[in-house]
Protein backbone atom coordinates (compact mmCIF):
# COMPACT_ATOMS: atom_id res chain seq x y z
CA MET A 1 112.88 85.11 189.95
CA GLY A 2 111.77 84.27 186.44
CA VAL A 3 112.15 86.52 183.39
CA ASN A 4 109.50 86.67 180.42
CA ILE A 5 111.16 88.15 177.28
CA ARG A 6 108.87 89.37 174.36
CA GLU A 7 109.69 90.94 171.01
CA THR A 8 107.14 93.22 169.28
CA VAL A 9 107.16 95.27 166.22
CA LEU A 10 106.09 98.94 166.56
CA ASP A 11 104.97 100.59 163.56
CA VAL A 12 106.61 104.04 163.45
CA PRO A 13 106.07 107.18 161.05
CA ASP A 14 108.33 107.34 157.89
CA ASN A 15 107.74 103.63 157.17
CA GLU A 16 110.47 102.62 159.64
CA ASP A 17 109.32 99.42 162.22
CA VAL A 18 111.26 99.34 165.65
CA HIS A 19 111.89 96.16 167.21
CA TYR A 20 112.02 96.07 170.86
CA THR A 21 112.57 93.69 173.39
CA GLU A 22 110.26 93.56 176.95
CA ILE A 23 111.99 92.10 179.96
CA ASP A 24 109.57 91.42 182.76
CA LEU A 25 111.28 91.42 186.27
CA LYS A 26 110.12 89.91 189.68
CA THR A 27 107.67 87.70 188.35
CA GLU A 28 106.99 83.99 188.01
CA THR A 29 103.85 84.04 185.50
CA ASP A 30 103.57 84.82 181.85
CA THR A 31 101.30 88.11 181.90
CA THR A 32 100.17 89.65 178.75
CA LYS A 33 101.86 92.98 177.93
CA THR A 34 100.33 95.77 175.48
CA ASP A 35 101.34 98.83 174.25
CA ALA A 36 99.19 100.25 176.41
CA ASP A 37 100.67 98.61 179.52
CA LEU A 38 103.88 100.57 178.48
CA ASN A 39 102.53 103.81 178.35
CA ILE A 40 103.84 104.15 174.51
CA THR A 41 101.91 105.17 171.28
CA ASP A 42 103.07 105.66 167.79
CA THR A 43 103.48 109.38 168.21
CA ASP A 44 105.59 108.89 171.20
CA LEU A 45 108.54 107.71 168.86
CA THR A 46 109.40 110.54 166.70
CA LYS A 47 112.41 110.49 163.88
CA ASN A 48 114.71 111.76 166.45
CA ASP A 49 113.99 109.02 168.75
CA ILE A 50 114.85 106.39 166.37
CA LYS A 51 118.24 107.38 165.23
CA LYS A 52 120.77 105.00 165.89
CA THR A 53 124.11 103.34 164.85
CA GLU A 54 124.92 99.80 164.74
CA THR A 55 126.10 99.90 168.23
CA ASP A 56 123.39 102.54 170.09
CA PHE A 57 120.43 101.43 171.64
CA VAL A 58 118.04 103.21 173.86
CA GLU A 59 116.68 101.78 177.49
CA THR A 60 113.76 103.10 179.05
CA LYS A 61 112.30 101.85 182.29
CA ASN A 62 108.82 101.26 183.35
CA GLU A 63 106.64 100.00 185.90
CA ASP A 64 103.31 98.06 185.25
CA ILE A 65 100.34 97.91 187.52
CA ASN A 66 101.57 95.12 189.74
CA GLY A 67 104.85 97.28 190.39
CA ASN A 68 107.40 94.89 188.08
CA ALA A 69 110.04 97.05 186.46
CA LYS A 70 110.35 96.73 182.83
CA ILE A 71 113.37 97.28 180.87
CA LEU A 72 112.51 98.52 177.09
CA LYS A 73 115.55 98.08 174.81
CA ARG A 74 115.78 99.18 171.52
CA LEU A 75 117.17 96.79 169.08
CA GLU A 76 118.80 97.59 165.33
CA THR A 77 116.60 98.91 162.98
CA VAL A 78 116.05 98.29 159.16
CA PRO A 79 114.50 101.17 157.10
CA ASP A 80 112.10 100.38 154.50
CA ILE A 81 113.44 102.92 152.10
CA LYS A 82 116.46 101.72 149.90
CA ARG A 83 118.71 104.78 150.63
CA ASP A 84 119.14 107.51 152.80
CA THR A 85 119.08 111.29 151.93
CA SER A 86 122.57 111.52 152.63
CA GLY A 87 123.47 108.96 150.09
CA ILE A 88 121.85 110.72 147.63
CA THR A 89 123.28 114.31 148.24
CA THR A 90 126.64 112.76 148.53
CA GLN A 91 126.11 111.40 144.92
CA TYR A 92 124.82 114.74 143.71
CA ILE A 93 127.43 116.72 145.38
CA ALA A 94 130.23 114.68 143.87
CA THR A 95 128.62 114.87 140.40
CA GLY A 96 128.74 118.61 140.56
CA ILE A 97 132.17 118.57 141.67
CA VAL A 98 133.59 116.30 139.05
CA ASN A 99 131.83 118.12 136.54
CA LEU A 100 133.81 121.51 137.25
CA GLY A 101 135.83 119.81 134.47
CA ALA A 102 133.08 120.48 131.96
CA LEU A 103 132.63 123.95 133.58
CA ALA A 104 136.21 124.77 132.64
CA ALA A 105 136.02 123.25 129.23
CA GLY A 106 132.62 125.39 128.86
CA VAL A 107 135.04 128.53 129.68
CA CYS A 108 137.63 127.79 127.12
CA VAL A 109 135.02 127.73 124.45
CA ALA A 110 133.68 130.84 125.36
CA TRP A 111 136.81 132.62 125.97
CA SER A 112 137.58 133.65 122.38
CA SER A 113 134.35 135.32 121.95
CA SER A 114 135.46 138.15 124.06
CA ALA A 115 139.34 137.82 123.71
CA LEU A 116 139.81 137.38 120.04
CA PRO A 117 138.09 140.58 118.98
CA ARG A 118 140.45 142.61 121.39
CA MET A 119 143.31 140.89 120.21
CA THR A 120 142.81 141.46 116.55
CA ALA A 121 142.92 144.95 117.53
CA SER A 122 145.39 145.09 119.95
CA ILE A 123 148.77 146.71 119.10
CA THR A 124 150.29 143.78 121.34
CA TYR A 125 149.08 141.20 119.37
CA ASP A 126 147.83 142.73 116.08
CA LEU A 127 146.11 139.11 115.03
CA THR A 128 145.26 138.59 111.45
CA GLN A 129 141.54 137.00 110.92
CA ALA A 130 143.42 133.63 109.94
CA GLU A 131 145.79 133.57 112.91
CA ALA A 132 142.66 134.48 115.05
CA SER A 133 140.74 131.18 113.65
CA TRP A 134 143.57 129.18 114.41
CA VAL A 135 143.79 130.40 117.88
CA ALA A 136 139.96 129.53 118.68
CA SER A 137 139.96 126.02 116.44
CA ILE A 138 143.16 124.88 117.82
CA LEU A 139 141.78 124.14 121.15
CA CYS A 140 139.22 121.32 119.62
CA LEU A 141 142.37 119.92 118.03
CA GLY A 142 144.13 119.33 121.13
CA ALA A 143 140.58 117.95 122.31
CA VAL A 144 141.17 115.22 119.68
CA PHE A 145 144.48 114.09 121.15
CA GLY A 146 143.16 114.23 124.75
CA SER A 147 139.87 112.39 124.10
CA VAL A 148 141.01 109.19 122.49
CA PRO A 149 143.57 107.95 124.92
CA ALA A 150 141.97 109.32 128.11
CA GLY A 151 139.60 106.33 128.37
CA LEU A 152 142.62 104.02 128.70
CA ILE A 153 144.82 105.95 130.77
CA SER A 154 141.69 106.11 133.49
CA GLU A 155 141.62 102.69 133.27
CA TYR A 156 145.59 102.01 134.09
CA PHE A 157 145.85 104.87 136.29
CA GLY A 158 142.71 105.74 137.96
CA ARG A 159 139.65 107.65 137.56
CA LYS A 160 140.48 109.86 140.07
CA LYS A 161 144.24 110.33 139.49
CA THR A 162 143.44 110.97 135.86
CA LEU A 163 140.70 113.82 136.31
CA LEU A 164 142.80 115.21 139.07
CA TYR A 165 145.86 115.97 137.02
CA LEU A 166 143.66 117.34 134.00
CA ALA A 167 143.32 120.54 136.07
CA LEU A 168 147.43 120.92 135.66
CA PRO A 169 147.22 121.24 131.65
CA LEU A 170 144.29 123.56 132.33
CA LEU A 171 146.43 125.87 134.54
CA VAL A 172 149.44 125.56 132.21
CA SER A 173 147.31 126.67 129.20
CA TRP A 174 145.87 129.69 131.01
CA ILE A 175 149.42 130.92 131.97
CA LEU A 176 150.36 130.57 128.58
CA VAL A 177 147.75 132.40 126.90
CA ALA A 178 147.97 135.06 129.69
CA SER A 179 151.90 135.47 129.23
CA SER A 180 152.49 134.85 125.86
CA PRO A 181 154.32 137.57 123.84
CA ASN A 182 153.50 136.57 120.48
CA VAL A 183 150.76 134.19 118.50
CA TYR A 184 152.77 131.11 118.88
CA GLY A 185 152.41 131.26 122.49
CA LEU A 186 148.83 131.70 122.39
CA TYR A 187 148.78 128.19 119.85
CA VAL A 188 150.60 125.99 122.23
CA GLY A 189 148.09 127.25 125.29
CA ARG A 190 145.02 126.83 123.50
CA PHE A 191 146.30 123.55 122.24
CA VAL A 192 147.55 122.38 125.62
CA GLY A 193 143.86 123.32 127.30
CA GLY A 194 142.26 121.33 124.46
CA VAL A 195 144.20 118.49 125.25
CA ALA A 196 142.45 118.88 129.15
CA VAL A 197 138.98 119.60 127.58
CA GLY A 198 138.88 116.46 125.21
CA ALA A 199 139.90 114.46 128.03
CA PHE A 200 137.61 115.77 130.54
CA SER A 201 134.49 114.99 128.07
CA VAL A 202 135.82 111.07 128.05
CA SER A 203 136.73 110.60 131.72
CA ILE A 204 134.10 112.14 133.46
CA PRO A 205 131.03 110.06 132.42
CA PRO A 206 132.76 106.78 133.57
CA TYR A 207 133.48 108.20 136.96
CA ILE A 208 129.90 109.32 137.38
CA GLU A 209 128.46 105.74 135.87
CA ASP A 210 130.70 104.03 139.09
CA ILE A 211 129.24 106.47 141.51
CA ALA A 212 125.95 106.51 140.61
CA GLU A 213 122.89 104.41 141.63
CA LYS A 214 121.13 103.05 138.56
CA GLU A 215 117.94 105.03 139.65
CA LEU A 216 119.98 107.95 139.72
CA LEU A 217 122.29 107.56 136.85
CA PRO A 218 120.05 109.40 134.11
CA ASN A 219 119.68 112.53 136.39
CA LEU A 220 123.32 112.71 137.05
CA THR A 221 124.72 111.69 133.39
CA SER A 222 122.80 115.17 132.40
CA PHE A 223 125.20 117.37 134.95
CA TYR A 224 128.16 117.42 132.20
CA HIS A 225 125.95 119.33 129.50
CA VAL A 226 124.47 121.43 131.92
CA HIS A 227 128.04 122.36 133.48
CA PHE A 228 129.45 122.93 129.95
CA ALA A 229 126.56 125.38 129.20
CA CYS A 230 127.32 127.25 132.56
CA GLY A 231 131.10 127.40 131.48
CA VAL A 232 130.10 129.01 128.52
CA LEU A 233 127.85 131.47 130.23
CA PHE A 234 130.41 132.05 132.66
CA GLY A 235 132.91 132.78 130.11
CA TYR A 236 130.58 135.32 128.30
CA ILE A 237 130.27 137.23 131.64
CA ILE A 238 134.13 137.26 132.69
CA GLY A 239 134.64 138.49 128.85
CA MET A 240 133.35 141.92 130.11
CA VAL A 241 136.78 142.15 131.58
CA TYR A 242 138.63 144.05 129.14
CA SER A 243 142.17 143.05 130.23
CA THR A 244 143.23 139.72 128.69
CA SER A 245 145.65 138.91 131.68
CA TRP A 246 143.05 139.28 134.01
CA HIS A 247 140.57 137.69 131.72
CA CYS A 248 142.75 134.45 131.86
CA VAL A 249 143.24 134.57 135.79
CA LEU A 250 139.36 134.59 136.38
CA CYS A 251 139.24 131.63 133.82
CA THR A 252 142.23 129.73 135.94
CA SER A 253 139.79 129.70 139.05
CA ILE A 254 137.83 127.09 137.52
CA PRO A 255 140.48 124.30 137.20
CA VAL A 256 141.97 125.51 140.82
CA ALA A 257 138.79 125.09 142.16
CA PHE A 258 138.06 121.56 140.68
CA PHE A 259 141.17 120.69 141.94
CA ILE A 260 140.72 121.74 145.66
CA ALA A 261 137.13 120.03 145.97
CA PHE A 262 137.99 117.13 143.70
CA ILE A 263 140.90 116.10 145.66
CA PHE A 264 138.58 115.23 149.02
CA LEU A 265 136.71 112.68 147.00
CA PRO A 266 137.52 108.77 147.04
CA GLU A 267 138.56 106.65 143.91
CA SER A 268 136.03 105.02 141.61
CA PRO A 269 134.53 101.94 143.61
CA ALA A 270 134.82 99.82 140.36
CA TYR A 271 138.54 100.87 139.69
CA LEU A 272 139.34 100.06 143.33
CA LEU A 273 137.88 96.47 142.81
CA SER A 274 139.52 95.96 139.59
CA GLN A 275 142.94 96.34 141.17
CA GLY A 276 142.22 93.99 143.87
CA LYS A 277 141.51 96.47 146.58
CA SER A 278 138.17 95.27 147.79
CA VAL A 279 138.45 96.93 151.42
CA GLU A 280 138.97 100.48 149.74
CA ALA A 281 136.33 99.84 147.29
CA LYS A 282 133.58 99.03 149.93
CA ALA A 283 134.74 102.17 151.68
CA SER A 284 134.68 104.10 148.87
CA LEU A 285 130.79 102.66 147.92
CA ARG A 286 129.78 103.08 151.43
CA TYR A 287 130.89 106.71 151.07
CA PHE A 288 128.48 107.44 148.34
CA ARG A 289 125.61 105.28 149.39
CA GLY A 290 125.40 106.48 152.86
CA ILE A 291 126.02 104.74 156.09
CA ASP A 292 122.41 102.99 156.58
CA ASN A 293 122.34 101.46 153.09
CA ASP A 294 123.37 97.73 152.63
CA ILE A 295 125.79 97.47 150.06
CA ASP A 296 126.93 93.80 150.15
CA GLY A 297 124.68 92.93 147.18
CA GLU A 298 126.07 95.92 145.05
CA MET A 299 129.40 94.64 146.30
CA LYS A 300 128.65 91.23 145.03
CA SER A 301 127.08 92.50 141.44
CA LEU A 302 129.93 94.82 141.10
CA LYS A 303 132.57 92.24 141.62
CA GLU A 304 131.07 89.91 139.14
CA ARG A 305 130.76 92.79 136.55
CA ILE A 306 134.60 93.34 137.02
CA ARG A 307 135.28 89.59 137.05
CA SER A 308 133.48 89.33 133.32
CA SER A 309 135.28 92.35 132.00
CA LEU A 310 138.54 91.34 133.02
CA LYS A 311 137.87 87.85 131.50
CA ARG A 312 137.22 89.82 128.08
CA LYS A 313 139.32 92.59 127.06
CA VAL A 314 137.66 94.58 124.63
CA THR A 315 139.87 96.39 121.80
CA PHE A 316 139.11 99.13 119.42
CA LYS A 317 139.44 96.13 116.53
CA GLU A 318 136.15 94.61 118.27
CA LEU A 319 134.12 97.75 117.29
CA PHE A 320 134.35 96.59 113.88
CA SER A 321 133.76 92.91 114.28
CA THR A 322 130.01 92.48 114.08
CA ARG A 323 127.30 94.12 111.74
CA ALA A 324 125.86 95.73 114.94
CA THR A 325 128.38 97.49 116.40
CA ILE A 326 129.48 98.63 112.60
CA LYS A 327 125.80 99.99 112.37
CA ALA A 328 126.03 101.58 115.73
CA LEU A 329 129.20 103.34 114.77
CA VAL A 330 127.51 104.48 111.77
CA VAL A 331 124.76 106.22 113.41
CA SER A 332 126.66 107.60 116.35
CA PHE A 333 129.25 109.21 113.73
CA GLY A 334 126.17 110.40 111.81
CA LEU A 335 125.01 112.22 114.25
CA MET A 336 128.39 113.74 115.32
CA VAL A 337 128.59 115.25 111.80
CA PHE A 338 125.38 116.92 111.97
CA GLN A 339 125.80 118.09 115.17
CA GLN A 340 129.23 119.66 114.19
CA LEU A 341 128.38 120.75 111.05
CA SER A 342 125.52 122.40 112.02
CA GLY A 343 127.54 125.29 113.10
CA ILE A 344 127.14 125.35 116.85
CA TYR A 345 131.08 125.66 117.67
CA PRO A 346 131.55 128.52 115.58
CA ILE A 347 128.67 130.37 117.10
CA LEU A 348 129.88 129.85 120.49
CA PHE A 349 133.34 130.69 119.59
CA TYR A 350 132.59 133.85 117.61
CA THR A 351 129.51 134.87 119.32
CA GLU A 352 130.79 138.71 119.76
CA THR A 353 131.90 138.65 116.15
CA ILE A 354 128.96 137.31 114.62
CA PHE A 355 126.32 140.02 116.80
CA LYS A 356 128.89 142.94 115.37
CA THR A 357 128.57 141.59 111.83
CA PHE A 358 124.91 142.19 112.29
CA GLU A 359 125.55 145.75 113.62
CA ILE A 360 122.67 145.24 116.18
CA SER A 361 122.28 148.10 118.74
CA LEU A 362 122.73 146.36 121.67
CA ASN A 363 126.19 145.89 123.34
CA PRO A 364 127.87 142.27 121.57
CA PRO A 365 128.87 141.21 125.19
CA SER A 366 125.40 141.73 126.54
CA ALA A 367 123.87 140.05 123.54
CA ALA A 368 126.36 137.09 124.03
CA ILE A 369 125.29 136.62 127.99
CA ILE A 370 121.60 136.85 126.86
CA LEU A 371 122.44 133.84 124.37
CA GLY A 372 124.46 132.12 127.38
CA PHE A 373 121.34 132.31 129.34
CA SER A 374 119.33 130.59 126.84
CA PHE A 375 122.01 128.00 126.09
CA VAL A 376 122.05 127.21 130.06
CA SER A 377 118.05 127.30 130.61
CA SER A 378 117.26 125.10 127.54
CA THR A 379 120.10 122.60 128.61
CA TYR A 380 118.55 122.42 132.09
CA PHE A 381 114.94 121.64 130.85
CA SER A 382 115.99 119.37 128.31
CA THR A 383 116.72 116.79 131.00
CA VAL A 384 112.81 116.71 131.65
CA LEU A 385 112.26 116.45 127.66
CA LEU A 386 114.31 113.92 127.85
CA LYS A 387 112.48 111.64 130.11
CA ARG A 388 109.04 112.18 128.39
CA ILE A 389 109.78 112.57 124.34
CA ARG A 390 111.49 110.12 122.07
CA ARG A 391 114.75 110.83 121.09
CA ARG A 392 113.86 110.42 117.15
CA VAL A 393 111.34 113.27 117.77
CA LEU A 394 113.65 115.42 119.55
CA LEU A 395 116.49 115.03 117.12
CA ILE A 396 113.96 115.61 113.99
CA SER A 397 112.16 118.52 116.00
CA SER A 398 115.68 120.10 116.94
CA LEU A 399 117.43 120.10 113.59
CA THR A 400 114.21 121.16 111.73
CA ILE A 401 114.10 124.40 113.78
CA MET A 402 117.52 125.19 113.90
CA ALA A 403 117.61 125.20 109.87
CA PHE A 404 114.49 127.41 110.33
CA SER A 405 116.28 129.87 112.60
CA LEU A 406 119.51 129.70 110.60
CA GLY A 407 117.76 130.44 107.41
CA SER A 408 115.95 133.16 108.89
CA LEU A 409 118.94 134.70 110.01
CA ALA A 410 120.51 134.27 106.34
CA ILE A 411 117.40 135.82 104.84
CA TYR A 412 117.81 138.72 107.45
CA TYR A 413 121.29 139.28 106.60
CA HIS A 414 120.68 139.34 102.94
CA LEU A 415 117.74 141.83 103.37
CA LYS A 416 120.28 144.17 105.20
CA ALA A 417 123.07 143.69 102.90
CA SER A 418 120.76 144.93 99.95
CA ASN A 419 119.67 148.06 101.92
CA SER A 420 116.27 146.64 102.02
CA LEU A 421 115.70 147.20 105.75
CA SER A 422 115.51 151.04 106.93
CA SER A 423 117.00 150.19 110.31
CA ASN A 424 119.14 148.08 112.30
CA SER A 425 117.07 145.33 114.31
CA THR A 426 118.59 143.77 117.50
CA TRP A 427 115.73 141.12 118.31
CA VAL A 428 115.92 139.30 115.06
CA PRO A 429 119.48 138.21 115.31
CA LEU A 430 119.19 137.55 118.82
CA LEU A 431 116.06 135.90 118.77
CA THR A 432 116.54 133.23 115.85
CA LEU A 433 120.54 132.70 117.41
CA CYS A 434 118.96 131.99 121.02
CA LEU A 435 116.39 129.70 119.43
CA TYR A 436 118.93 128.27 117.65
CA VAL A 437 121.07 127.40 120.39
CA SER A 438 117.69 126.24 122.89
CA LEU A 439 117.03 123.69 120.21
CA TYR A 440 120.69 122.43 119.96
CA ALA A 441 120.70 121.75 123.59
CA SER A 442 117.44 120.26 123.42
CA GLY A 443 118.08 117.60 120.92
CA ILE A 444 120.93 117.34 118.86
CA GLY A 445 123.35 118.42 121.47
CA PRO A 446 123.01 115.96 124.32
CA ILE A 447 121.25 112.80 122.45
CA PRO A 448 124.49 111.43 120.64
CA TRP A 449 126.16 111.21 123.54
CA LEU A 450 123.28 109.58 125.53
CA MET A 451 122.88 107.27 122.76
CA LEU A 452 126.05 105.64 122.85
CA ARG A 453 125.14 104.14 125.91
CA GLU A 454 121.96 102.72 124.31
CA ILE A 455 123.08 101.20 121.03
CA PHE A 456 126.18 99.69 122.24
CA PRO A 457 127.01 96.51 124.46
CA SER A 458 128.60 97.63 127.90
CA GLU A 459 131.42 95.84 127.31
CA VAL A 460 132.70 98.19 124.05
CA THR A 461 130.65 101.51 125.22
CA ARG A 462 133.61 102.83 126.53
CA ARG A 463 135.95 102.23 123.49
CA ALA A 464 133.18 103.49 121.44
CA THR A 465 132.98 106.87 123.47
CA ALA A 466 136.60 107.50 123.06
CA ILE A 467 136.47 107.19 119.28
CA THR A 468 133.34 108.89 118.63
CA ALA A 469 134.61 111.82 121.20
CA GLY A 470 137.95 112.15 118.93
CA PHE A 471 135.38 111.89 116.20
CA HIS A 472 133.53 114.92 117.34
CA TRP A 473 136.56 117.13 118.62
CA PHE A 474 138.04 116.71 114.93
CA LEU A 475 134.66 117.75 113.45
CA ALA A 476 134.40 120.69 115.88
CA PHE A 477 138.04 121.78 114.71
CA GLY A 478 137.28 121.56 111.14
CA ALA A 479 133.96 123.45 111.58
CA THR A 480 135.28 125.99 113.48
CA LYS A 481 138.49 126.56 111.29
CA LEU A 482 136.61 126.75 107.91
CA TYR A 483 133.94 128.95 109.22
CA GLN A 484 136.10 132.25 108.93
CA ASN A 485 137.06 131.09 105.38
CA LEU A 486 133.71 130.51 104.40
CA VAL A 487 132.72 134.03 105.91
CA GLU A 488 135.56 135.65 103.63
CA LYS A 489 134.91 133.73 100.73
CA VAL A 490 131.06 133.51 100.48
CA SER A 491 129.84 136.00 102.94
CA PRO A 492 128.13 135.09 106.58
CA GLY A 493 124.60 134.85 104.78
CA TRP A 494 125.68 131.77 102.75
CA THR A 495 127.67 130.24 105.25
CA LEU A 496 124.56 130.43 107.39
CA TRP A 497 122.85 128.66 104.57
CA HIS A 498 125.20 126.12 104.66
CA PHE A 499 124.62 125.29 107.88
CA ALA A 500 120.72 125.44 107.60
CA VAL A 501 121.37 122.89 104.52
CA THR A 502 123.29 120.46 106.75
CA CYS A 503 120.35 120.75 109.58
CA ILE A 504 117.85 119.61 106.73
CA VAL A 505 120.23 116.58 105.38
CA GLY A 506 120.71 115.72 109.24
CA THR A 507 116.55 115.47 109.46
CA LEU A 508 116.84 113.09 106.66
CA PHE A 509 119.27 111.10 108.20
CA VAL A 510 117.32 110.73 111.66
CA TYR A 511 114.28 109.71 109.76
CA PHE A 512 115.79 107.19 107.88
CA PHE A 513 118.73 105.63 109.65
CA VAL A 514 118.83 106.44 113.31
CA PRO A 515 116.55 103.73 115.38
CA GLU A 516 114.27 104.77 118.49
CA THR A 517 116.26 103.57 121.72
CA LYS A 518 113.92 105.35 124.50
CA ASN A 519 112.07 102.34 126.52
CA ARG A 520 113.96 99.82 124.35
CA THR A 521 116.20 97.17 125.40
CA LEU A 522 119.91 96.81 124.01
CA GLU A 523 118.96 93.51 122.38
CA ASP A 524 116.05 94.72 120.76
CA ILE A 525 118.12 97.83 119.26
CA GLN A 526 120.93 95.30 118.30
CA ASN A 527 118.57 92.87 116.44
CA GLU A 528 117.33 96.01 114.50
CA PHE A 529 120.69 96.77 113.67
CA ASP A 530 121.57 93.12 112.33
CA GLY A 531 118.33 93.05 110.29
CA ILE A 532 116.31 90.58 112.67
CA ARG A 533 112.45 91.01 113.20
CA LYS A 534 110.84 89.44 116.06
CA LYS A 535 108.28 86.82 115.13
CA HIS A 536 105.18 86.92 117.02
CA ARG A 537 103.70 83.77 117.74
CA HIS A 538 100.21 83.48 118.74
CA VAL A 539 99.76 80.12 121.02
CA ILE A 540 96.09 78.85 121.80
CA GLU A 541 96.22 76.44 124.76
CA ILE A 542 93.02 73.99 125.00
CA GLU A 543 92.12 72.65 128.11
CA CYS A 544 90.62 69.30 128.24
CA GLY A 545 88.73 67.82 130.74
CA PRO A 546 88.29 63.91 131.56
CA GLU A 547 86.02 62.07 129.38
CA GLY A 548 82.74 60.64 130.32
């Protein structure tokens, strides 16, 4: 008995090709078989029909017009698409889980807005304004000590372990704040919580970079800022709970949820590979890419990147070794200066107190929630703006309109203080502050963090992020602590003018010193820092034919 085998490629919807082998039995001569002979059309094979694993196959028996039995055996298929839906979904879910740490950080910032006014009026605590300013700002001081070493710790002990154990100081922090009988317990609790907040700001981005595909990375990195803004909003909402103890219990739910959810995620593939655990690294990468994706090429490039990074150990000293990296540090530090001295953290920390200062008719906690909604929505939509609009345009527009908002609020305060206004207006303070936080979230808020990956070489980015984050939190501590002193010394109106002038100076700094980084290569940006201008050579080629 002769057997004829013919392999055919059958087009199937969803851009997938199914290879099948046709085996003819009980025939001695070759015959031409078509899809019509097999009674199979494109519509007969649906998406559910072509589901398979590496070992699964489907057999279908038919008979042709001669009565010969035929077996249609489906072989392994290779989809045209680069990734399957489950892989993308896994990356988004994992990024959402790890950014619960950013959500917890936002709650820590918003806590003082509602808690401190109660504590200053409470007989139990009886905080002075100076003590209240320390309780608020010491969170940022703790963040300084958490952000600088966090990157090094995660490199030695693992991304997952570092992030997972950060839930512990947050839990201890809220227990201390809830049970403290005096102001010193509040200081310790807030400082410990600040250590975790600062460490989260440095440790979360590297984990996301390690698990995300290159095409998804810009979207996934924006999750940190969105979750932080959601944490601020959540903090304002639960701030309506009058009991300080129950308020802290609700705040504790976030780090607990983070620990429970994050414990089920695998370690970063890059870290596992750096520790020589190739099998675990491949399993981790497979988890984030889905079962249908070919990860061999990505594993190979990852090994090469790890090998090159191990050959060259970058220290903090090397950040100051070249002119380009020094200028990049000046740009990143300068942006952080104007970001923080624009007054964003004092406004987020003392939101209810500021609304009470302007004596708005709306309930201050409700006004704070409206402000939080503006912060969240503008942070979310800023991800769209960052894809379409140049960095310098967003920075200049952001700082300019922020200065306008703060100046308008300062003028309103002076008119109100001089009794030039017949009645209190709710919409002026609320509108100007909502406009302020919206423009902050669209420009000067996320862009300095985004540019860290664009102006530094990849081998020094994480060191630069650590030192810049420490500087960021130190400035946040100074601005938050000195805000109360400025209010007492020169009045809220002149304090707002100080923030407005800082925004105007920041606009000038961006215009003269900050390069455009959107759609530019690192080499172009580094050459601009080095003062190297590209020379364009015009070459004219003349083709000469044979003589005669």
